Amino acid sequence: MSNFVRPLIVIPVFNHREELSRVAIEALEHGDVLIVDDGSTDGVSADIASLAVQCIRHSKNRGKGAAILTAAAYAREHGYTHIVTIDADGQHLTADLPKFFVAIEANPDSVAVGVRDFSNAKNRNIPGSATFGRAFSNFWFRVQTGEKGLDTQSGFRAYPVGLLQELSFSESRYSFEIEVLVKAVWAGLSIQWLPIHVHYPEPEKRVSHLHRVKDNILISWLNTRLTMRAVLPIPHRKLVRVEQSVENASEQFYLTRPVDSLRDMVRQGASPEYVGFSAGLGVLLGTWPLFGIHTVATLFAASFLRLSKVISVGTSQFCMPPFVPALCIEVGYFIRNGEWLTDVSWQTLGVEFLDRAWEWILGSLVLAPILAGVTGLVFYLVTRSIYKLRQEI
């Protein structure tokens, strides 16, 4: 371990007396250990007193996130650069701790997260709720950051102390562990996903303090707020200097000056593929009759697919009424009746509105992929031409 990286092993605990001593003793073999007793009432204080570890006690239960922040403050005060959190219930194996030390030494400006081995789940007492919860959380992490998360609910992690001290957090319970990962990515930190072992006892021996209703409501509300923030084209505060790329550069796209806009994006490093797929996505969603949610859906999809929100929203405006919706209705009408709609009157557009709406949907299913493909190809070719011209100059 280099002098530059000095980790502190942190065990947050709330009423997990059964396994705490064993976990702490095993962790001591790998370094300094701090236990944060988050207001336990099961007499665990007596066990902690017999251990050769540092301990901070909350007078009342404040939540796992609050315990982690308390540990970060202690770590900074005592000269530690990172904290490595491990659960007190024995779910994690201390033998995996060296993996985290190696990871943060290789990249101190990163968060290392243990990816729990869920293979052969049925025979290893791994609950289905854990598998589903991980997949669900990973999905929203992808939406909010554009990055693929492998186990965003894992509590076995290594954090730079500076990250926890510099950023602000609204959550103090289990939802904190989602918030901190998303904000770490927004702040420019990379996430290292480390394979780890996991142990789940039999269901009757399992103790969980996750409140199924309260904590799930908090997590859902957090995901709503993070997603809304993610789709806003407002830069996030950076803690780590990152190499300028098209994804973090300030993008601008003007419908009235598309070529100039593309030239600026090429100057910032946007590839023809990136521009083409972004433009195609905007037209694809713009053609569909997503009444009232076009922009939100486009921002959501572009964020999830790590494409340009600016280009996608810009090209979706090509599909504004009346031309593209009218074209969809004509195609839908032809599918239903075998002829084109030529009578434009109150009877066909007003009285028969529901028929036209249905034909709009039908027509959009045919036209959306075609228009998206053509638009994406045009933007791809134009961007590639700009690239070639720049190389020839």
Protein backbone atom coordinates (compact mmCIF):
# COMPACT_ATOMS: atom_id res chain seq x y z
CA MET A 1 0.00 0.00 0.00
CA SER A 2 1.47 3.37 -0.96
CA ASN A 3 1.58 6.31 1.40
CA PHE A 4 -0.76 8.17 -0.92
CA VAL A 5 -3.70 5.85 -0.22
CA ARG A 6 -4.63 5.23 3.40
CA PRO A 7 -7.93 3.36 3.77
CA LEU A 8 -10.07 2.91 6.84
CA ILE A 9 -12.36 -0.10 7.08
CA VAL A 10 -15.80 1.03 8.26
CA ILE A 11 -18.53 -1.20 9.66
CA PRO A 12 -21.87 0.59 10.10
CA VAL A 13 -24.04 -1.39 12.49
CA PHE A 14 -27.60 -1.21 13.75
CA ASN A 15 -28.82 -4.15 15.81
CA HIS A 16 -26.61 -6.77 14.14
CA ARG A 17 -24.96 -8.17 17.25
CA GLU A 18 -24.73 -11.78 16.04
CA GLU A 19 -22.05 -11.34 13.37
CA LEU A 20 -20.43 -8.01 14.22
CA SER A 21 -17.59 -9.27 16.40
CA ARG A 22 -16.53 -11.92 13.88
CA VAL A 23 -16.64 -9.42 11.00
CA ALA A 24 -14.65 -6.83 12.98
CA ILE A 25 -11.97 -9.31 14.13
CA GLU A 26 -11.50 -10.61 10.59
CA ALA A 27 -11.40 -7.05 9.20
CA LEU A 28 -8.66 -6.10 11.68
CA GLU A 29 -6.38 -8.52 9.85
CA HIS A 30 -6.53 -6.14 6.87
CA GLY A 31 -6.20 -2.71 8.47
CA ASP A 32 -7.65 -0.11 10.81
CA VAL A 33 -11.31 -0.57 11.62
CA LEU A 34 -13.98 1.92 12.69
CA ILE A 35 -17.41 0.77 13.84
CA VAL A 36 -20.24 3.30 13.62
CA ASP A 37 -22.99 2.16 15.98
CA ASP A 38 -26.06 3.77 14.52
CA GLY A 39 -28.12 3.80 17.72
CA SER A 40 -28.28 0.02 18.30
CA THR A 41 -30.55 -1.19 21.12
CA ASP A 42 -29.57 -4.87 21.18
CA GLY A 43 -26.62 -4.51 23.56
CA VAL A 44 -23.99 -4.56 20.81
CA SER A 45 -22.09 -1.78 22.63
CA ALA A 46 -20.77 -4.33 25.11
CA ASP A 47 -19.37 -6.44 22.27
CA ILE A 48 -17.77 -3.42 20.62
CA ALA A 49 -16.08 -2.42 23.86
CA SER A 50 -14.21 -5.71 23.88
CA LEU A 51 -12.79 -5.17 20.38
CA ALA A 52 -9.57 -3.35 19.46
CA VAL A 53 -11.36 -0.97 17.14
CA GLN A 54 -12.38 2.67 17.12
CA CYS A 55 -16.08 3.30 17.60
CA ILE A 56 -18.47 6.19 17.15
CA ARG A 57 -22.00 5.88 18.47
CA HIS A 58 -25.08 7.74 17.33
CA SER A 59 -27.42 8.43 20.23
CA LYS A 60 -30.33 7.35 18.04
CA ASN A 61 -30.76 5.54 14.75
CA ARG A 62 -30.07 7.97 11.89
CA GLY A 63 -29.69 5.64 8.92
CA LYS A 64 -26.85 3.92 7.06
CA GLY A 65 -26.09 6.98 4.96
CA ALA A 66 -25.66 9.11 8.05
CA ALA A 67 -23.35 6.46 9.54
CA ILE A 68 -21.17 6.49 6.42
CA LEU A 69 -20.90 10.29 6.49
CA THR A 70 -19.97 10.15 10.17
CA ALA A 71 -17.21 7.70 9.26
CA ALA A 72 -16.01 9.97 6.44
CA ALA A 73 -15.71 12.91 8.82
CA TYR A 74 -13.71 10.75 11.26
CA ALA A 75 -11.49 9.49 8.42
CA ARG A 76 -10.65 12.97 7.19
CA GLU A 77 -9.89 14.16 10.71
CA HIS A 78 -7.48 11.25 11.23
CA GLY A 79 -5.71 11.40 7.87
CA TYR A 80 -7.35 8.54 5.99
CA THR A 81 -7.88 9.02 2.25
CA HIS A 82 -10.58 6.38 1.71
CA ILE A 83 -13.16 4.44 3.64
CA VAL A 84 -14.09 0.87 2.76
CA THR A 85 -17.57 -0.01 4.00
CA ILE A 86 -18.51 -3.58 4.78
CA ASP A 87 -21.84 -4.82 6.16
CA ALA A 88 -22.03 -5.96 9.78
CA ASP A 89 -24.35 -8.89 9.07
CA GLY A 90 -21.63 -11.16 7.67
CA GLN A 91 -22.98 -10.99 4.12
CA HIS A 92 -19.60 -9.85 2.82
CA LEU A 93 -16.31 -11.71 3.18
CA THR A 94 -13.38 -9.77 4.58
CA ALA A 95 -11.13 -11.86 2.34
CA ASP A 96 -12.31 -9.60 -0.49
CA LEU A 97 -10.96 -6.44 1.19
CA PRO A 98 -7.57 -6.56 -0.61
CA LYS A 99 -9.40 -6.23 -3.92
CA PHE A 100 -10.62 -2.81 -2.82
CA PHE A 101 -7.19 -1.73 -1.61
CA VAL A 102 -5.65 -2.63 -4.97
CA ALA A 103 -8.45 -0.85 -6.86
CA ILE A 104 -8.21 2.46 -5.00
CA GLU A 105 -4.43 2.41 -5.12
CA ALA A 106 -4.60 2.02 -8.91
CA ASN A 107 -7.23 4.74 -9.22
CA PRO A 108 -7.67 6.86 -6.08
CA ASP A 109 -10.24 9.11 -7.77
CA SER A 110 -12.79 6.36 -8.14
CA VAL A 111 -15.46 4.54 -6.19
CA ALA A 112 -14.98 0.78 -5.97
CA VAL A 113 -18.14 -1.29 -5.65
CA GLY A 114 -18.33 -5.01 -4.93
CA VAL A 115 -20.44 -6.97 -7.39
CA ARG A 116 -22.08 -9.77 -5.44
CA ASP A 117 -21.99 -13.23 -6.97
CA PHE A 118 -25.64 -14.18 -7.45
CA SER A 119 -24.97 -17.35 -9.43
CA ASN A 120 -26.84 -20.49 -8.40
CA ALA A 121 -29.14 -18.25 -6.35
CA LYS A 122 -31.76 -20.87 -5.43
CA ASN A 123 -29.24 -23.16 -3.75
CA ARG A 124 -27.45 -20.33 -1.91
CA ASN A 125 -30.42 -18.71 -0.10
CA ILE A 126 -30.15 -15.59 -2.29
CA PRO A 127 -33.61 -14.00 -2.13
CA GLY A 128 -35.40 -13.14 -5.34
CA SER A 129 -36.01 -9.64 -4.00
CA ALA A 130 -32.25 -9.04 -3.94
CA THR A 131 -31.87 -10.13 -7.55
CA PHE A 132 -34.84 -8.05 -8.71
CA GLY A 133 -33.82 -5.05 -6.62
CA ARG A 134 -30.34 -5.06 -8.08
CA ALA A 135 -31.59 -5.22 -11.68
CA PHE A 136 -34.16 -2.49 -11.00
CA SER A 137 -31.59 -0.22 -9.37
CA ASN A 138 -29.04 -0.87 -12.13
CA PHE A 139 -31.62 0.18 -14.71
CA TRP A 140 -32.22 3.55 -13.08
CA PHE A 141 -28.48 4.09 -12.60
CA ARG A 142 -28.08 3.61 -16.35
CA VAL A 143 -30.85 6.14 -17.04
CA GLN A 144 -29.42 8.72 -14.66
CA THR A 145 -25.75 8.41 -15.60
CA GLY A 146 -25.65 6.69 -18.99
CA GLU A 147 -23.28 4.13 -17.48
CA LYS A 148 -23.88 0.46 -16.97
CA GLY A 149 -24.09 -0.44 -13.29
CA LEU A 150 -23.39 -4.00 -12.18
CA ASP A 151 -24.47 -3.90 -8.53
CA THR A 152 -25.64 -0.47 -7.43
CA GLN A 153 -27.21 -1.87 -4.24
CA SER A 154 -24.03 -3.46 -2.91
CA GLY A 155 -22.86 -2.07 0.42
CA PHE A 156 -19.27 -3.35 0.07
CA ARG A 157 -17.56 -0.26 -1.33
CA ALA A 158 -14.54 2.00 -1.20
CA TYR A 159 -15.11 5.76 -1.26
CA PRO A 160 -12.61 8.60 -1.52
CA VAL A 161 -13.16 10.62 1.64
CA GLY A 162 -13.10 13.83 -0.40
CA LEU A 163 -16.12 12.70 -2.41
CA LEU A 164 -18.24 12.25 0.71
CA GLN A 165 -17.06 15.53 2.16
CA GLU A 166 -17.39 17.70 -0.94
CA LEU A 167 -20.76 16.62 -2.31
CA SER A 168 -24.10 17.24 -0.65
CA PHE A 169 -26.61 14.46 -0.13
CA SER A 170 -30.28 14.47 0.70
CA GLU A 171 -30.60 10.82 1.75
CA SER A 172 -29.57 9.30 5.08
CA ARG A 173 -30.98 5.78 4.87
CA TYR A 174 -30.39 2.95 2.37
CA SER A 175 -31.24 5.23 -0.55
CA PHE A 176 -28.01 7.12 0.22
CA GLU A 177 -26.02 4.34 -1.46
CA ILE A 178 -27.83 4.99 -4.75
CA GLU A 179 -27.55 8.77 -4.49
CA VAL A 180 -23.83 8.71 -3.79
CA LEU A 181 -23.06 6.51 -6.80
CA VAL A 182 -25.05 8.67 -9.22
CA LYS A 183 -23.54 11.90 -7.90
CA ALA A 184 -20.06 10.38 -8.01
CA VAL A 185 -20.44 9.72 -11.73
CA TRP A 186 -21.86 13.19 -12.27
CA ALA A 187 -18.85 14.61 -10.40
CA GLY A 188 -16.49 12.90 -12.85
CA LEU A 189 -15.40 9.92 -10.75
CA SER A 190 -15.19 6.51 -12.34
CA ILE A 191 -16.78 3.42 -10.81
CA GLN A 192 -14.75 0.23 -10.49
CA TRP A 193 -16.91 -2.90 -10.31
CA LEU A 194 -15.16 -5.67 -8.39
CA PRO A 195 -16.43 -9.26 -8.24
CA ILE A 196 -16.94 -10.35 -4.63
CA HIS A 197 -18.34 -13.30 -2.74
CA VAL A 198 -21.59 -13.05 -0.81
CA HIS A 199 -23.19 -15.15 1.89
CA TYR A 200 -26.90 -15.25 2.69
CA PRO A 201 -28.01 -17.28 5.73
CA GLU A 202 -31.21 -19.27 5.79
CA PRO A 203 -34.33 -17.06 5.68
CA GLU A 204 -35.20 -17.72 9.35
CA LYS A 205 -31.73 -16.50 10.44
CA ARG A 206 -31.72 -13.45 8.20
CA VAL A 207 -32.03 -9.98 9.79
CA SER A 208 -32.79 -6.98 7.60
CA HIS A 209 -33.57 -3.44 8.67
CA LEU A 210 -34.79 -2.45 5.22
CA HIS A 211 -38.32 -1.10 5.70
CA ARG A 212 -40.17 -2.46 2.68
CA VAL A 213 -42.65 0.42 2.43
CA LYS A 214 -40.77 3.43 3.78
CA ASP A 215 -37.43 2.67 2.14
CA ASN A 216 -38.98 1.74 -1.20
CA ILE A 217 -40.94 5.00 -1.22
CA LEU A 218 -37.76 6.94 -0.45
CA ILE A 219 -35.86 5.13 -3.19
CA SER A 220 -38.64 5.73 -5.73
CA TRP A 221 -38.81 9.43 -4.87
CA LEU A 222 -35.02 9.67 -5.07
CA ASN A 223 -34.98 8.01 -8.50
CA THR A 224 -37.65 10.43 -9.71
CA ARG A 225 -35.60 13.44 -8.60
CA LEU A 226 -32.32 12.08 -9.94
CA THR A 227 -33.88 11.24 -13.30
CA MET A 228 -35.41 14.69 -13.62
CA ARG A 229 -32.04 16.25 -12.83
CA ALA A 230 -30.25 13.91 -15.23
CA VAL A 231 -32.29 14.94 -18.26
CA LEU A 232 -31.77 18.66 -17.69
CA PRO A 233 -29.03 19.96 -20.02
CA ILE A 234 -27.29 21.70 -17.11
CA PRO A 235 -23.68 20.68 -16.33
CA HIS A 236 -22.99 18.90 -13.06
CA ARG A 237 -20.38 20.08 -10.60
CA LYS A 238 -17.09 18.24 -11.22
CA LEU A 239 -14.71 17.13 -8.50
CA VAL A 240 -12.34 15.42 -10.91
CA ARG A 241 -10.98 16.98 -14.06
CA VAL A 242 -12.16 14.82 -16.94
CA GLU A 243 -10.93 14.78 -20.49
CA GLN A 244 -13.16 16.90 -22.63
CA SER A 245 -15.45 14.74 -24.73
CA VAL A 246 -18.59 15.21 -26.72
CA GLU A 247 -20.64 13.90 -23.81
CA ASN A 248 -19.50 16.56 -21.39
CA ALA A 249 -18.87 19.34 -23.85
CA SER A 250 -21.39 22.12 -24.17
CA GLU A 251 -23.52 21.06 -27.14
CA GLN A 252 -25.72 23.33 -29.20
CA PHE A 253 -27.90 22.40 -32.13
CA TYR A 254 -29.87 24.94 -34.15
CA LEU A 255 -32.59 23.76 -36.53
CA THR A 256 -32.03 26.83 -38.69
CA ARG A 257 -28.26 26.15 -38.95
CA PRO A 258 -27.87 22.37 -38.80
CA VAL A 259 -24.61 22.21 -40.76
CA ASP A 260 -22.98 24.90 -38.60
CA SER A 261 -24.17 23.04 -35.51
CA LEU A 262 -22.70 19.78 -36.77
CA ARG A 263 -19.44 21.52 -37.62
CA ASP A 264 -19.21 22.74 -34.02
CA MET A 265 -19.92 19.25 -32.72
CA VAL A 266 -17.25 17.73 -34.93
CA ARG A 267 -14.85 20.30 -33.54
CA GLN A 268 -15.77 19.00 -30.04
CA GLY A 269 -15.14 15.41 -31.08
CA ALA A 270 -18.61 14.08 -31.94
CA SER A 271 -18.32 11.02 -34.17
CA PRO A 272 -20.57 10.52 -37.23
CA GLU A 273 -22.09 7.45 -35.56
CA TYR A 274 -22.89 9.40 -32.39
CA VAL A 275 -24.55 12.19 -34.39
CA GLY A 276 -26.42 9.78 -36.67
CA PHE A 277 -27.89 7.67 -33.90
CA SER A 278 -28.80 10.77 -31.87
CA ALA A 279 -30.61 12.33 -34.83
CA GLY A 280 -32.38 9.08 -35.69
CA LEU A 281 -33.57 8.62 -32.12
CA GLY A 282 -35.11 12.09 -32.07
CA VAL A 283 -37.07 11.48 -35.27
CA LEU A 284 -38.10 7.98 -34.18
CA LEU A 285 -39.69 9.28 -30.99
CA GLY A 286 -40.89 12.50 -32.63
CA THR A 287 -42.89 10.52 -35.18
CA TRP A 288 -44.68 8.45 -32.58
CA PRO A 289 -47.83 10.10 -31.16
CA LEU A 290 -46.49 10.40 -27.63
CA PHE A 291 -48.98 13.11 -26.79
CA GLY A 292 -47.52 15.64 -24.38
CA ILE A 293 -44.41 13.66 -23.43
CA HIS A 294 -42.27 13.85 -26.57
CA THR A 295 -39.49 15.93 -25.05
CA VAL A 296 -39.39 14.05 -21.75
CA ALA A 297 -39.35 10.69 -23.55
CA THR A 298 -36.59 11.87 -25.89
CA LEU A 299 -34.42 13.19 -23.04
CA PHE A 300 -35.00 9.97 -21.11
CA ALA A 301 -34.06 7.72 -24.04
CA ALA A 302 -31.03 9.78 -25.07
CA SER A 303 -29.73 9.74 -21.51
CA PHE A 304 -30.23 5.98 -21.23
CA LEU A 305 -28.47 5.32 -24.55
CA ARG A 306 -25.71 7.89 -23.88
CA LEU A 307 -26.60 9.84 -27.01
CA SER A 308 -26.82 13.57 -27.50
CA LYS A 309 -29.89 15.00 -25.79
CA VAL A 310 -29.46 18.22 -27.75
CA ILE A 311 -29.40 16.56 -31.18
CA SER A 312 -32.24 14.16 -30.33
CA VAL A 313 -34.53 16.87 -29.02
CA GLY A 314 -33.55 19.10 -31.95
CA THR A 315 -34.36 16.57 -34.66
CA SER A 316 -37.58 15.54 -32.93
CA GLN A 317 -38.83 19.03 -33.75
CA PHE A 318 -38.76 18.06 -37.44
CA CYS A 319 -41.81 15.94 -36.65
CA MET A 320 -43.99 18.72 -35.31
CA PRO A 321 -47.47 19.05 -36.89
CA PRO A 322 -48.74 19.20 -39.47
CA PHE A 323 -46.54 17.42 -42.01
CA VAL A 324 -45.33 14.25 -40.24
CA PRO A 325 -48.59 13.56 -38.33
CA ALA A 326 -50.56 14.10 -41.56
CA LEU A 327 -48.27 11.70 -43.39
CA CYS A 328 -48.75 9.10 -40.64
CA ILE A 329 -52.53 9.48 -40.86
CA GLU A 330 -52.42 9.02 -44.63
CA VAL A 331 -50.37 5.83 -44.28
CA GLY A 332 -52.63 4.57 -41.51
CA TYR A 333 -55.73 5.37 -43.56
CA PHE A 334 -54.27 3.50 -46.51
CA ILE A 335 -53.55 0.46 -44.33
CA ARG A 336 -57.14 0.38 -43.10
CA ASN A 337 -58.96 1.27 -46.32
CA GLY A 338 -56.63 0.50 -49.23
CA GLU A 339 -56.86 4.09 -50.51
CA TRP A 340 -55.54 7.55 -49.55
CA LEU A 341 -57.56 10.04 -47.52
CA THR A 342 -58.42 12.95 -49.85
CA ASP A 343 -61.44 14.47 -48.11
CA VAL A 344 -60.16 17.04 -45.61
CA SER A 345 -63.27 18.33 -43.84
CA TRP A 346 -64.90 18.68 -40.42
CA GLN A 347 -66.47 15.27 -40.97
CA THR A 348 -63.14 13.46 -41.55
CA LEU A 349 -60.98 15.43 -39.09
CA GLY A 350 -63.52 16.33 -36.38
CA VAL A 351 -66.37 13.83 -36.27
CA GLU A 352 -64.08 10.93 -37.18
CA PHE A 353 -61.26 12.12 -34.87
CA LEU A 354 -60.82 8.77 -33.12
CA ASP A 355 -60.42 7.02 -36.48
CA ARG A 356 -57.72 9.53 -37.49
CA ALA A 357 -55.96 9.08 -34.13
CA TRP A 358 -55.87 5.32 -34.62
CA GLU A 359 -54.57 5.79 -38.18
CA TRP A 360 -51.90 8.17 -36.82
CA ILE A 361 -50.70 5.40 -34.51
CA LEU A 362 -50.75 2.79 -37.27
CA GLY A 363 -48.96 5.05 -39.73
CA SER A 364 -46.31 6.05 -37.19
CA LEU A 365 -45.39 2.42 -36.60
CA VAL A 366 -44.51 2.17 -40.29
CA LEU A 367 -43.01 5.60 -40.88
CA ALA A 368 -41.06 6.14 -37.63
CA PRO A 369 -38.29 3.62 -38.34
CA ILE A 370 -38.09 4.72 -41.99
CA LEU A 371 -37.84 8.44 -41.21
CA ALA A 372 -35.45 7.76 -38.32
CA GLY A 373 -33.22 5.65 -40.55
CA VAL A 374 -33.16 8.25 -43.32
CA THR A 375 -32.50 11.11 -40.90
CA GLY A 376 -29.81 9.20 -39.08
CA LEU A 377 -28.12 8.31 -42.37
CA VAL A 378 -28.22 11.92 -43.62
CA PHE A 379 -26.74 13.25 -40.39
CA TYR A 380 -24.12 10.51 -40.40
CA LEU A 381 -23.05 11.30 -43.98
CA VAL A 382 -23.01 15.06 -43.43
CA THR A 383 -20.95 14.68 -40.25
CA ARG A 384 -18.55 12.31 -41.98
CA SER A 385 -18.15 14.79 -44.85
CA ILE A 386 -17.30 17.54 -42.36
CA TYR A 387 -14.71 15.24 -40.82
CA LYS A 388 -13.10 14.59 -44.20
CA LEU A 389 -13.04 18.29 -45.07
CA ARG A 390 -11.35 19.07 -41.76
CA GLN A 391 -8.73 16.39 -42.40
CA GLU A 392 -8.01 17.75 -45.90
CA ILE A 393 -7.50 21.33 -44.67
